[in-house]
Amino acid sequence: MPLILFLIFIAVPVIEIAIFIQVGGLIGVWPTIAIVLGTAFLGASLLRLQGLQTWRRAEEAMRRGEPPVAEMLDGVFLFIAALLMVTPGLFTDAIGILFLIPPVRRAIGRYAARRLAESSRFHVHTSGMGGMGPGGPARPPKGPGPVIEGEAEEIGEEPRGSGSERDSPWRQ
């Protein structure tokens, strides 16, 4: 974690300054500023377009009774891309543009999901939505790990005026 913070707060600004100096020396100050502003505008436009497409795909997945995991991951990467594109700099713009390219975004998402799964103690079962789908409750797959099954019973309210009602802060 300290290495990541070092990269974010020290290395990235130094890289941005070096790139500004190089590009500004080659094409001039005003064209360099125009590129930074243009990439910010382009990034915002692409984000809006791809964000709406991702939203529609998420709605379609939910209508089919599927969890919109890929769409949510796309949304996270689009948000990161927007932050990078709004940040003034050519290096962060380049990374933001990469995150706007769907195949690159999905490859990074698969890598991140694989790393998270390897380093975690949680297991995700994709055989259903855990009882939330239209087909009723999904049975958990058999295998290692604790499975806690239970039943719920609704308990009726106590009649008004009982002694415990005055003592409970949850009763209105």
C-alpha atoms as a PDB file:
ATOM      1  CA  MET A   1       0.000   0.000   0.000  1.00  0.00           C
ATOM      2  CA  PRO A   2       2.784   2.535   0.728  1.00  0.00           C
ATOM      3  CA  LEU A   3       4.208   1.853  -2.753  1.00  0.00           C
ATOM      4  CA  ILE A   4       0.833   2.606  -4.356  1.00  0.00           C
ATOM      5  CA  LEU A   5       0.529   5.869  -2.404  1.00  0.00           C
ATOM      6  CA  PHE A   6       4.078   6.794  -3.435  1.00  0.00           C
ATOM      7  CA  LEU A   7       3.220   6.183  -7.082  1.00  0.00           C
ATOM      8  CA  ILE A   8       0.000   8.174  -6.899  1.00  0.00           C
ATOM      9  CA  PHE A   9       1.326  11.215  -5.058  1.00  0.00           C
ATOM     10  CA  ILE A  10       4.966  11.414  -6.166  1.00  0.00           C
ATOM     11  CA  ALA A  11       5.693   9.386  -9.289  1.00  0.00           C
ATOM     12  CA  VAL A  12       2.578  10.286 -11.329  1.00  0.00           C
ATOM     13  CA  PRO A  13       3.032  14.079 -10.954  1.00  0.00           C
ATOM     14  CA  VAL A  14       6.733  13.762 -11.815  1.00  0.00           C
ATOM     15  CA  ILE A  15       5.856  11.710 -14.914  1.00  0.00           C
ATOM     16  CA  GLU A  16       3.202  14.293 -15.874  1.00  0.00           C
ATOM     17  CA  ILE A  17       5.682  17.175 -15.536  1.00  0.00           C
ATOM     18  CA  ALA A  18       8.297  15.344 -17.622  1.00  0.00           C
ATOM     19  CA  ILE A  19       5.739  14.588 -20.348  1.00  0.00           C
ATOM     20  CA  PHE A  20       4.478  18.200 -20.325  1.00  0.00           C
ATOM     21  CA  ILE A  21       8.053  19.456 -20.762  1.00  0.00           C
ATOM     22  CA  GLN A  22       8.778  17.027 -23.598  1.00  0.00           C
ATOM     23  CA  VAL A  23       5.503  17.554 -25.475  1.00  0.00           C
ATOM     24  CA  GLY A  24       5.504  21.305 -24.860  1.00  0.00           C
ATOM     25  CA  GLY A  25       9.051  21.501 -26.215  1.00  0.00           C
ATOM     26  CA  LEU A  26       8.057  19.587 -29.332  1.00  0.00           C
ATOM     27  CA  ILE A  27       4.720  21.189 -30.225  1.00  0.00           C
ATOM     28  CA  GLY A  28       4.500  24.269 -27.997  1.00  0.00           C
ATOM     29  CA  VAL A  29       2.563  25.280 -24.899  1.00  0.00           C
ATOM     30  CA  TRP A  30      -0.822  26.092 -26.433  1.00  0.00           C
ATOM     31  CA  PRO A  31      -1.130  22.903 -28.504  1.00  0.00           C
ATOM     32  CA  THR A  32      -0.186  20.911 -25.397  1.00  0.00           C
ATOM     33  CA  ILE A  33      -2.905  22.644 -23.382  1.00  0.00           C
ATOM     34  CA  ALA A  34      -5.354  22.079 -26.258  1.00  0.00           C
ATOM     35  CA  ILE A  35      -4.538  18.350 -26.202  1.00  0.00           C
ATOM     36  CA  VAL A  36      -5.172  18.164 -22.441  1.00  0.00           C
ATOM     37  CA  LEU A  37      -8.498  20.019 -22.782  1.00  0.00           C
ATOM     38  CA  GLY A  38      -9.460  17.987 -25.865  1.00  0.00           C
ATOM     39  CA  THR A  39      -8.805  14.657 -24.158  1.00  0.00           C
ATOM     40  CA  ALA A  40     -10.854  15.793 -21.162  1.00  0.00           C
ATOM     41  CA  PHE A  41     -13.759  16.688 -23.466  1.00  0.00           C
ATOM     42  CA  LEU A  42     -13.365  13.445 -25.454  1.00  0.00           C
ATOM     43  CA  GLY A  43     -13.192  11.409 -22.256  1.00  0.00           C
ATOM     44  CA  ALA A  44     -16.320  13.032 -20.852  1.00  0.00           C
ATOM     45  CA  SER A  45     -18.202  12.398 -24.112  1.00  0.00           C
ATOM     46  CA  LEU A  46     -17.114   8.776 -24.362  1.00  0.00           C
ATOM     47  CA  LEU A  47     -17.869   8.253 -20.684  1.00  0.00           C
ATOM     48  CA  ARG A  48     -21.403   9.535 -21.155  1.00  0.00           C
ATOM     49  CA  LEU A  49     -21.982   7.339 -24.200  1.00  0.00           C
ATOM     50  CA  GLN A  50     -20.444   4.185 -22.741  1.00  0.00           C
ATOM     51  CA  GLY A  51     -21.982   4.846 -19.331  1.00  0.00           C
ATOM     52  CA  LEU A  52     -25.466   4.872 -20.855  1.00  0.00           C
ATOM     53  CA  GLN A  53     -24.704   1.677 -22.784  1.00  0.00           C
ATOM     54  CA  THR A  54     -23.453   0.012 -19.602  1.00  0.00           C
ATOM     55  CA  TRP A  55     -26.584   1.125 -17.739  1.00  0.00           C
ATOM     56  CA  ARG A  56     -28.799  -0.419 -20.446  1.00  0.00           C
ATOM     57  CA  ARG A  57     -26.839  -3.695 -20.370  1.00  0.00           C
ATOM     58  CA  ALA A  58     -27.181  -3.813 -16.571  1.00  0.00           C
ATOM     59  CA  GLU A  59     -30.946  -3.314 -16.837  1.00  0.00           C
ATOM     60  CA  GLU A  60     -31.180  -6.083 -19.455  1.00  0.00           C
ATOM     61  CA  ALA A  61     -29.194  -8.467 -17.252  1.00  0.00           C
ATOM     62  CA  MET A  62     -31.465  -7.734 -14.284  1.00  0.00           C
ATOM     63  CA  ARG A  63     -34.563  -8.336 -16.444  1.00  0.00           C
ATOM     64  CA  ARG A  64     -33.124 -11.741 -17.372  1.00  0.00           C
ATOM     65  CA  GLY A  65     -32.653 -12.463 -13.661  1.00  0.00           C
ATOM     66  CA  GLU A  66     -28.862 -12.327 -13.855  1.00  0.00           C
ATOM     67  CA  PRO A  67     -26.637 -10.265 -11.565  1.00  0.00           C
ATOM     68  CA  PRO A  68     -25.071  -7.406 -13.553  1.00  0.00           C
ATOM     69  CA  VAL A  69     -21.555  -8.090 -12.280  1.00  0.00           C
ATOM     70  CA  ALA A  70     -19.728  -7.362 -15.544  1.00  0.00           C
ATOM     71  CA  GLU A  71     -21.749  -4.193 -16.043  1.00  0.00           C
ATOM     72  CA  MET A  72     -21.001  -3.009 -12.513  1.00  0.00           C
ATOM     73  CA  LEU A  73     -17.307  -3.657 -13.070  1.00  0.00           C
ATOM     74  CA  ASP A  74     -17.526  -1.731 -16.347  1.00  0.00           C
ATOM     75  CA  GLY A  75     -19.141   1.133 -14.429  1.00  0.00           C
ATOM     76  CA  VAL A  76     -16.318   1.190 -11.891  1.00  0.00           C
ATOM     77  CA  PHE A  77     -13.704   1.302 -14.637  1.00  0.00           C
ATOM     78  CA  LEU A  78     -15.614   4.011 -16.495  1.00  0.00           C
ATOM     79  CA  PHE A  79     -15.683   6.079 -13.299  1.00  0.00           C
ATOM     80  CA  ILE A  80     -11.921   5.588 -12.874  1.00  0.00           C
ATOM     81  CA  ALA A  81     -11.429   6.549 -16.532  1.00  0.00           C
ATOM     82  CA  ALA A  82     -13.445   9.733 -15.988  1.00  0.00           C
ATOM     83  CA  LEU A  83     -11.357  10.679 -12.964  1.00  0.00           C
ATOM     84  CA  LEU A  84      -8.158  10.081 -14.900  1.00  0.00           C
ATOM     85  CA  MET A  85      -9.372  12.048 -17.923  1.00  0.00           C
ATOM     86  CA  VAL A  86     -10.485  15.013 -15.810  1.00  0.00           C
ATOM     87  CA  THR A  87      -7.130  15.090 -14.022  1.00  0.00           C
ATOM     88  CA  PRO A  88      -4.922  17.460 -16.008  1.00  0.00           C
ATOM     89  CA  GLY A  89      -2.090  15.537 -17.567  1.00  0.00           C
ATOM     90  CA  LEU A  90      -1.164  13.524 -20.615  1.00  0.00           C
ATOM     91  CA  PHE A  91      -0.080  10.380 -18.739  1.00  0.00           C
ATOM     92  CA  THR A  92      -3.346  10.112 -16.777  1.00  0.00           C
ATOM     93  CA  ASP A  93      -5.281  10.892 -19.976  1.00  0.00           C
ATOM     94  CA  ALA A  94      -3.556   8.004 -21.747  1.00  0.00           C
ATOM     95  CA  ILE A  95      -4.426   5.603 -18.925  1.00  0.00           C
ATOM     96  CA  GLY A  96      -7.995   6.938 -18.859  1.00  0.00           C
ATOM     97  CA  ILE A  97      -8.342   6.410 -22.600  1.00  0.00           C
ATOM     98  CA  LEU A  98      -7.144   2.817 -22.170  1.00  0.00           C
ATOM     99  CA  PHE A  99      -9.874   2.264 -19.555  1.00  0.00           C
ATOM    100  CA  LEU A 100     -12.455   3.521 -22.062  1.00  0.00           C
ATOM    101  CA  ILE A 101     -11.587   0.747 -24.538  1.00  0.00           C
ATOM    102  CA  PRO A 102     -13.975  -2.153 -23.709  1.00  0.00           C
ATOM    103  CA  PRO A 103     -11.580  -5.084 -24.450  1.00  0.00           C
ATOM    104  CA  VAL A 104      -8.824  -3.471 -22.368  1.00  0.00           C
ATOM    105  CA  ARG A 105     -11.299  -2.715 -19.577  1.00  0.00           C
ATOM    106  CA  ARG A 106     -12.567  -6.317 -19.557  1.00  0.00           C
ATOM    107  CA  ALA A 107      -9.050  -7.773 -19.562  1.00  0.00           C
ATOM    108  CA  ILE A 108      -8.093  -5.591 -16.594  1.00  0.00           C
ATOM    109  CA  GLY A 109     -11.371  -6.542 -14.894  1.00  0.00           C
ATOM    110  CA  ARG A 110     -10.717 -10.271 -15.373  1.00  0.00           C
ATOM    111  CA  TYR A 111      -7.199  -9.851 -14.007  1.00  0.00           C
ATOM    112  CA  ALA A 112      -8.459  -7.884 -10.990  1.00  0.00           C
ATOM    113  CA  ALA A 113     -11.234 -10.415 -10.302  1.00  0.00           C
ATOM    114  CA  ARG A 114      -8.777 -13.310 -10.546  1.00  0.00           C
ATOM    115  CA  ARG A 115      -6.349 -11.588  -8.159  1.00  0.00           C
ATOM    116  CA  LEU A 116      -9.165 -10.807  -5.739  1.00  0.00           C
ATOM    117  CA  ALA A 117     -10.418 -14.394  -5.844  1.00  0.00           C
ATOM    118  CA  GLU A 118      -6.916 -15.756  -5.251  1.00  0.00           C
ATOM    119  CA  SER A 119      -6.290 -13.508  -2.264  1.00  0.00           C
ATOM    120  CA  SER A 120      -9.696 -13.892  -0.675  1.00  0.00           C
ATOM    121  CA  ARG A 121     -11.410 -16.464   1.454  1.00  0.00           C
ATOM    122  CA  PHE A 122     -14.752 -15.864  -0.202  1.00  0.00           C
ATOM    123  CA  HIS A 123     -16.170 -18.021  -2.948  1.00  0.00           C
ATOM    124  CA  VAL A 124     -18.662 -16.784  -5.482  1.00  0.00           C
ATOM    125  CA  HIS A 125     -21.134 -19.290  -6.884  1.00  0.00           C
ATOM    126  CA  THR A 126     -22.588 -18.304 -10.225  1.00  0.00           C
ATOM    127  CA  SER A 127     -25.333 -20.933 -10.327  1.00  0.00           C
ATOM    128  CA  GLY A 128     -28.044 -18.452  -9.383  1.00  0.00           C
ATOM    129  CA  MET A 129     -28.768 -15.308  -7.490  1.00  0.00           C
ATOM    130  CA  GLY A 130     -29.033 -16.966  -4.097  1.00  0.00           C
ATOM    131  CA  GLY A 131     -32.819 -17.093  -3.982  1.00  0.00           C
ATOM    132  CA  MET A 132     -33.347 -13.689  -5.505  1.00  0.00           C
ATOM    133  CA  GLY A 133     -34.009 -14.842  -9.049  1.00  0.00           C
ATOM    134  CA  PRO A 134     -37.405 -15.387 -10.625  1.00  0.00           C
ATOM    135  CA  GLY A 135     -37.072 -19.178 -10.411  1.00  0.00           C
ATOM    136  CA  GLY A 136     -37.210 -19.219  -6.631  1.00  0.00           C
ATOM    137  CA  PRO A 137     -34.490 -20.038  -4.148  1.00  0.00           C
ATOM    138  CA  ALA A 138     -31.303 -21.476  -5.573  1.00  0.00           C
ATOM    139  CA  ARG A 139     -29.727 -24.363  -3.698  1.00  0.00           C
ATOM    140  CA  PRO A 140     -26.097 -23.746  -2.783  1.00  0.00           C
ATOM    141  CA  PRO A 141     -23.705 -26.128  -4.518  1.00  0.00           C
ATOM    142  CA  LYS A 142     -22.372 -29.010  -2.499  1.00  0.00           C
ATOM    143  CA  GLY A 143     -18.735 -28.756  -1.575  1.00  0.00           C
ATOM    144  CA  PRO A 144     -16.373 -27.483   1.072  1.00  0.00           C
ATOM    145  CA  GLY A 145     -17.286 -24.595   3.249  1.00  0.00           C
ATOM    146  CA  PRO A 146     -19.915 -23.922   5.841  1.00  0.00           C
ATOM    147  CA  VAL A 147     -23.503 -23.874   4.658  1.00  0.00           C
ATOM    148  CA  ILE A 148     -25.948 -22.428   7.113  1.00  0.00           C
ATOM    149  CA  GLU A 149     -29.548 -23.208   6.385  1.00  0.00           C
ATOM    150  CA  GLY A 150     -32.394 -21.879   8.429  1.00  0.00           C
ATOM    151  CA  GLU A 151     -36.053 -21.079   8.537  1.00  0.00           C
ATOM    152  CA  ALA A 152     -37.757 -17.873   9.522  1.00  0.00           C
ATOM    153  CA  GLU A 153     -41.000 -17.479  11.373  1.00  0.00           C
ATOM    154  CA  GLU A 154     -42.882 -14.206  11.544  1.00  0.00           C
ATOM    155  CA  ILE A 155     -43.872 -13.329  15.073  1.00  0.00           C
ATOM    156  CA  GLY A 156     -46.954 -11.190  15.477  1.00  0.00           C
ATOM    157  CA  GLU A 157     -47.006  -7.914  17.349  1.00  0.00           C
ATOM    158  CA  GLU A 158     -47.871  -7.817  20.990  1.00  0.00           C
ATOM    159  CA  PRO A 159     -51.248  -6.277  21.691  1.00  0.00           C
ATOM    160  CA  ARG A 160     -51.234  -2.533  22.344  1.00  0.00           C
ATOM    161  CA  GLY A 161     -51.049  -1.533  25.942  1.00  0.00           C
ATOM    162  CA  SER A 162     -48.849  -4.405  27.132  1.00  0.00           C
ATOM    163  CA  GLY A 163     -46.162  -3.618  29.650  1.00  0.00           C
ATOM    164  CA  SER A 164     -43.219  -4.395  27.350  1.00  0.00           C
ATOM    165  CA  GLU A 165     -44.370  -1.784  24.797  1.00  0.00           C
ATOM    166  CA  ARG A 166     -43.443   1.104  27.068  1.00  0.00           C
ATOM    167  CA  ASP A 167     -39.960  -0.323  27.671  1.00  0.00           C
ATOM    168  CA  SER A 168     -39.023  -0.808  24.001  1.00  0.00           C
ATOM    169  CA  PRO A 169     -37.462   2.094  22.077  1.00  0.00           C
ATOM    170  CA  TRP A 170     -38.430   0.369  18.800  1.00  0.00           C
ATOM    171  CA  ARG A 171     -42.184   0.683  19.280  1.00  0.00           C
ATOM    172  CA  GLN A 172     -43.934   3.799  18.079  1.00  0.00           C
END
